Amino acid sequence: MLEIVVSDNGRRLPEEELAELNRRLAEGAAGTVREPDGEDGGSIGLMNVRMRLWLYFNEMADLTVQNNEPSGFRVTLRIPLETRPGGDHLESDHRR
């Protein structure tokens, strides 16, 4: 599994907002994310990344957001390196 972590030292997300974002990311994997309401920017970039991961890797990939201590937050992306469910090998140069 390849793990990519992107982190910053800006403002932290309130715990309720963080929980809601992670819930929406998890639901996005199942295709149930609602359109962003625009009030908070909708996290459309993260949703776009999550949907693309789901389309290519299904449940084998993961995207989560966590607060950093003492400030900022981090996004963790986990991608399988070798196989899909059923044993199909992933292409190293997957472009469409």
N, C-alpha and C. Protein backbone atom coordinates (compact mmCIF):
# COMPACT_ATOMS: atom_id res chain seq x y z
N MET A 1 0.85 -1.17 0.00
CA MET A 1 0.00 0.00 0.00
C MET A 1 0.90 1.23 0.00
N LEU A 2 0.62 2.15 -0.90
CA LEU A 2 1.32 3.42 -0.94
C LEU A 2 0.52 4.42 -0.12
N GLU A 3 1.18 5.13 0.79
CA GLU A 3 0.50 6.13 1.61
C GLU A 3 1.10 7.49 1.30
N ILE A 4 0.24 8.44 0.93
CA ILE A 4 0.66 9.80 0.64
C ILE A 4 -0.02 10.70 1.67
N VAL A 5 0.77 11.54 2.35
CA VAL A 5 0.22 12.44 3.36
C VAL A 5 0.54 13.88 2.95
N VAL A 6 -0.50 14.70 2.88
CA VAL A 6 -0.34 16.13 2.60
C VAL A 6 -0.78 16.86 3.86
N SER A 7 0.10 17.73 4.37
CA SER A 7 -0.14 18.36 5.66
C SER A 7 0.12 19.86 5.57
N ASP A 8 -0.59 20.62 6.39
CA ASP A 8 -0.30 22.05 6.49
C ASP A 8 -0.30 22.47 7.96
N ASN A 9 0.06 23.73 8.20
CA ASN A 9 0.09 24.23 9.58
C ASN A 9 -0.87 25.40 9.76
N GLY A 10 -1.91 25.46 8.92
CA GLY A 10 -2.92 26.52 9.01
C GLY A 10 -3.93 26.23 10.10
N ARG A 11 -5.13 26.72 9.91
CA ARG A 11 -6.16 26.53 10.93
C ARG A 11 -6.63 25.08 10.95
N ARG A 12 -6.98 24.62 12.13
CA ARG A 12 -7.55 23.28 12.30
C ARG A 12 -9.03 23.32 11.95
N LEU A 13 -9.57 22.18 11.61
CA LEU A 13 -11.01 22.08 11.38
C LEU A 13 -11.69 21.78 12.71
N PRO A 14 -12.83 22.41 13.00
CA PRO A 14 -13.58 22.02 14.19
C PRO A 14 -13.94 20.53 14.11
N GLU A 15 -13.97 19.85 15.25
CA GLU A 15 -14.20 18.40 15.27
C GLU A 15 -15.48 18.00 14.53
N GLU A 16 -16.55 18.79 14.68
CA GLU A 16 -17.82 18.46 14.00
C GLU A 16 -17.66 18.53 12.48
N GLU A 17 -16.94 19.56 12.03
CA GLU A 17 -16.69 19.74 10.60
C GLU A 17 -15.82 18.61 10.06
N LEU A 18 -14.81 18.24 10.82
CA LEU A 18 -13.93 17.15 10.43
C LEU A 18 -14.69 15.83 10.32
N ALA A 19 -15.54 15.54 11.30
CA ALA A 19 -16.34 14.31 11.28
C ALA A 19 -17.28 14.31 10.07
N GLU A 20 -17.90 15.45 9.79
CA GLU A 20 -18.82 15.55 8.65
C GLU A 20 -18.07 15.36 7.32
N LEU A 21 -16.90 15.96 7.21
CA LEU A 21 -16.10 15.81 5.99
C LEU A 21 -15.72 14.35 5.78
N ASN A 22 -15.24 13.68 6.81
CA ASN A 22 -14.88 12.26 6.67
C ASN A 22 -16.10 11.39 6.37
N ARG A 23 -17.25 11.75 6.95
CA ARG A 23 -18.48 11.01 6.64
C ARG A 23 -18.84 11.17 5.17
N ARG A 24 -18.76 12.41 4.67
CA ARG A 24 -19.07 12.67 3.26
C ARG A 24 -18.09 11.97 2.33
N LEU A 25 -16.82 11.92 2.72
CA LEU A 25 -15.83 11.20 1.91
C LEU A 25 -16.15 9.72 1.87
N ALA A 26 -16.53 9.14 3.00
CA ALA A 26 -16.89 7.72 3.05
C ALA A 26 -18.14 7.44 2.23
N GLU A 27 -19.14 8.32 2.32
CA GLU A 27 -20.35 8.15 1.52
C GLU A 27 -20.06 8.33 0.05
N GLY A 28 -19.11 9.20 -0.27
CA GLY A 28 -18.75 9.43 -1.66
C GLY A 28 -18.25 8.16 -2.31
N ALA A 29 -17.61 7.31 -1.53
CA ALA A 29 -17.12 6.05 -2.04
C ALA A 29 -18.28 5.17 -2.50
N ALA A 30 -19.44 5.35 -1.88
CA ALA A 30 -20.61 4.56 -2.25
C ALA A 30 -21.49 5.31 -3.25
N GLY A 31 -21.04 6.49 -3.69
CA GLY A 31 -21.78 7.24 -4.69
C GLY A 31 -22.96 8.03 -4.16
N THR A 32 -22.97 8.37 -2.86
CA THR A 32 -24.12 9.07 -2.31
C THR A 32 -23.83 10.50 -1.89
N VAL A 33 -22.73 11.08 -2.33
CA VAL A 33 -22.42 12.46 -1.95
C VAL A 33 -23.39 13.41 -2.63
N ARG A 34 -23.96 14.30 -1.85
CA ARG A 34 -24.86 15.32 -2.39
C ARG A 34 -24.02 16.43 -3.02
N GLU A 35 -24.66 17.25 -3.84
CA GLU A 35 -23.98 18.40 -4.42
C GLU A 35 -23.55 19.33 -3.30
N PRO A 36 -22.39 19.97 -3.43
CA PRO A 36 -21.95 20.90 -2.38
C PRO A 36 -22.92 22.06 -2.25
N ASP A 37 -23.14 22.53 -1.03
CA ASP A 37 -24.08 23.62 -0.80
C ASP A 37 -23.46 24.99 -1.02
N GLY A 38 -22.14 25.03 -1.20
CA GLY A 38 -21.46 26.28 -1.51
C GLY A 38 -21.10 27.12 -0.30
N GLU A 39 -21.71 26.85 0.87
CA GLU A 39 -21.44 27.65 2.06
C GLU A 39 -20.01 27.49 2.55
N ASP A 40 -19.47 26.28 2.50
CA ASP A 40 -18.11 26.06 2.99
C ASP A 40 -17.16 25.66 1.86
N GLY A 41 -17.55 25.89 0.64
CA GLY A 41 -16.75 25.50 -0.50
C GLY A 41 -17.06 24.08 -0.94
N GLY A 42 -17.77 23.33 -0.11
CA GLY A 42 -18.24 22.01 -0.49
C GLY A 42 -17.18 20.92 -0.53
N SER A 43 -15.91 21.22 -0.29
CA SER A 43 -14.83 20.23 -0.36
C SER A 43 -14.86 19.46 -1.67
N ILE A 44 -15.20 20.15 -2.74
CA ILE A 44 -15.38 19.47 -4.02
C ILE A 44 -14.08 18.84 -4.53
N GLY A 45 -12.93 19.45 -4.22
CA GLY A 45 -11.65 18.87 -4.66
C GLY A 45 -11.41 17.52 -4.00
N LEU A 46 -11.64 17.43 -2.69
CA LEU A 46 -11.48 16.16 -2.00
C LEU A 46 -12.49 15.13 -2.50
N MET A 47 -13.73 15.57 -2.74
CA MET A 47 -14.75 14.64 -3.24
C MET A 47 -14.37 14.13 -4.62
N ASN A 48 -13.83 15.00 -5.45
CA ASN A 48 -13.40 14.60 -6.79
C ASN A 48 -12.30 13.55 -6.71
N VAL A 49 -11.31 13.78 -5.86
CA VAL A 49 -10.22 12.82 -5.68
C VAL A 49 -10.79 11.49 -5.18
N ARG A 50 -11.68 11.54 -4.18
CA ARG A 50 -12.24 10.31 -3.61
C ARG A 50 -13.02 9.51 -4.65
N MET A 51 -13.81 10.20 -5.46
CA MET A 51 -14.59 9.50 -6.49
C MET A 51 -13.68 8.87 -7.54
N ARG A 52 -12.62 9.55 -7.91
CA ARG A 52 -11.68 8.97 -8.88
C ARG A 52 -10.97 7.74 -8.30
N LEU A 53 -10.61 7.81 -7.02
CA LEU A 53 -10.01 6.65 -6.36
C LEU A 53 -10.98 5.48 -6.35
N TRP A 54 -12.24 5.76 -6.03
CA TRP A 54 -13.27 4.71 -5.99
C TRP A 54 -13.47 4.09 -7.37
N LEU A 55 -13.49 4.91 -8.41
CA LEU A 55 -13.71 4.39 -9.75
C LEU A 55 -12.58 3.46 -10.19
N TYR A 56 -11.36 3.77 -9.79
CA TYR A 56 -10.22 2.96 -10.23
C TYR A 56 -9.89 1.82 -9.27
N PHE A 57 -9.94 2.08 -7.96
CA PHE A 57 -9.49 1.09 -6.98
C PHE A 57 -10.61 0.47 -6.14
N ASN A 58 -11.85 0.94 -6.29
CA ASN A 58 -12.96 0.51 -5.44
C ASN A 58 -12.59 0.71 -3.97
N GLU A 59 -12.93 -0.26 -3.13
CA GLU A 59 -12.69 -0.11 -1.70
C GLU A 59 -11.23 -0.29 -1.28
N MET A 60 -10.36 -0.57 -2.24
CA MET A 60 -8.95 -0.79 -1.89
C MET A 60 -8.20 0.50 -1.58
N ALA A 61 -8.73 1.65 -1.99
CA ALA A 61 -8.09 2.94 -1.71
C ALA A 61 -8.84 3.66 -0.60
N ASP A 62 -8.16 4.59 0.06
CA ASP A 62 -8.77 5.29 1.18
C ASP A 62 -8.28 6.73 1.19
N LEU A 63 -9.15 7.64 1.62
CA LEU A 63 -8.82 9.05 1.75
C LEU A 63 -9.43 9.54 3.06
N THR A 64 -8.59 10.07 3.96
CA THR A 64 -9.08 10.57 5.24
C THR A 64 -8.46 11.92 5.54
N VAL A 65 -9.15 12.68 6.39
CA VAL A 65 -8.68 14.00 6.82
C VAL A 65 -8.61 13.98 8.34
N GLN A 66 -7.50 14.49 8.88
CA GLN A 66 -7.30 14.54 10.34
C GLN A 66 -6.69 15.88 10.71
N ASN A 67 -6.94 16.33 11.94
CA ASN A 67 -6.29 17.53 12.45
C ASN A 67 -4.87 17.21 12.87
N ASN A 68 -3.97 18.17 12.65
CA ASN A 68 -2.60 18.08 13.15
C ASN A 68 -2.53 18.73 14.53
N GLU A 69 -1.54 18.37 15.30
CA GLU A 69 -1.28 19.03 16.57
C GLU A 69 -0.05 19.90 16.40
N PRO A 70 0.00 21.13 16.76
CA PRO A 70 -1.04 21.91 17.43
C PRO A 70 -1.95 22.66 16.45
N SER A 71 -1.60 22.69 15.14
CA SER A 71 -2.44 23.43 14.19
C SER A 71 -2.41 22.74 12.83
N GLY A 72 -3.35 23.12 11.99
CA GLY A 72 -3.42 22.59 10.64
C GLY A 72 -4.13 21.25 10.56
N PHE A 73 -4.13 20.68 9.37
CA PHE A 73 -4.71 19.36 9.19
C PHE A 73 -3.95 18.62 8.11
N ARG A 74 -4.23 17.33 7.98
CA ARG A 74 -3.54 16.52 6.98
C ARG A 74 -4.55 15.62 6.28
N VAL A 75 -4.25 15.37 5.01
CA VAL A 75 -5.05 14.47 4.19
C VAL A 75 -4.17 13.26 3.91
N THR A 76 -4.70 12.07 4.20
CA THR A 76 -3.95 10.83 3.97
C THR A 76 -4.65 10.05 2.87
N LEU A 77 -3.87 9.66 1.88
CA LEU A 77 -4.34 8.91 0.73
C LEU A 77 -3.63 7.57 0.71
N ARG A 78 -4.38 6.48 0.67
CA ARG A 78 -3.79 5.14 0.62
C ARG A 78 -4.22 4.46 -0.67
N ILE A 79 -3.23 4.01 -1.45
CA ILE A 79 -3.47 3.41 -2.76
C ILE A 79 -2.77 2.06 -2.83
N PRO A 80 -3.46 1.02 -3.31
CA PRO A 80 -2.80 -0.28 -3.45
C PRO A 80 -1.73 -0.23 -4.54
N LEU A 81 -0.68 -1.00 -4.35
CA LEU A 81 0.41 -1.00 -5.31
C LEU A 81 0.33 -2.11 -6.36
N GLU A 82 -0.27 -3.24 -6.03
CA GLU A 82 -0.13 -4.36 -6.93
C GLU A 82 -1.39 -4.92 -7.57
N THR A 83 -2.42 -5.21 -6.80
CA THR A 83 -3.55 -5.90 -7.41
C THR A 83 -4.89 -5.32 -7.02
N ARG A 84 -5.88 -5.59 -7.86
CA ARG A 84 -7.27 -5.27 -7.59
C ARG A 84 -7.93 -6.51 -7.02
N PRO A 85 -9.14 -6.36 -6.45
CA PRO A 85 -9.85 -7.57 -6.02
C PRO A 85 -9.98 -8.53 -7.20
N GLY A 86 -9.79 -9.80 -6.97
CA GLY A 86 -9.85 -10.79 -8.05
C GLY A 86 -8.48 -11.07 -8.65
N GLY A 87 -7.45 -10.32 -8.22
CA GLY A 87 -6.09 -10.61 -8.64
C GLY A 87 -5.63 -9.92 -9.90
N ASP A 88 -6.45 -9.05 -10.52
CA ASP A 88 -6.01 -8.34 -11.71
C ASP A 88 -4.88 -7.39 -11.34
N HIS A 89 -3.82 -7.38 -12.14
CA HIS A 89 -2.70 -6.48 -11.86
C HIS A 89 -3.03 -5.08 -12.32
N LEU A 90 -2.62 -4.10 -11.52
CA LEU A 90 -2.81 -2.70 -11.87
C LEU A 90 -1.77 -2.30 -12.89
N GLU A 91 -2.18 -1.48 -13.83
CA GLU A 91 -1.24 -0.94 -14.80
C GLU A 91 -0.42 0.16 -14.14
N SER A 92 0.87 0.20 -14.38
CA SER A 92 1.68 1.25 -13.78
C SER A 92 1.51 2.56 -14.52
N ASP A 93 1.06 2.53 -15.77
CA ASP A 93 0.85 3.73 -16.55
C ASP A 93 -0.61 3.76 -17.00
N HIS A 94 -1.53 4.02 -16.07
CA HIS A 94 -2.96 3.97 -16.35
C HIS A 94 -3.44 5.34 -16.80
N ARG A 95 -3.65 5.51 -18.10
CA ARG A 95 -4.16 6.77 -18.64
C ARG A 95 -5.27 6.46 -19.62
N ARG A 96 -6.31 7.29 -19.58
CA ARG A 96 -7.42 7.12 -20.54
C ARG A 96 -7.69 8.42 -21.22
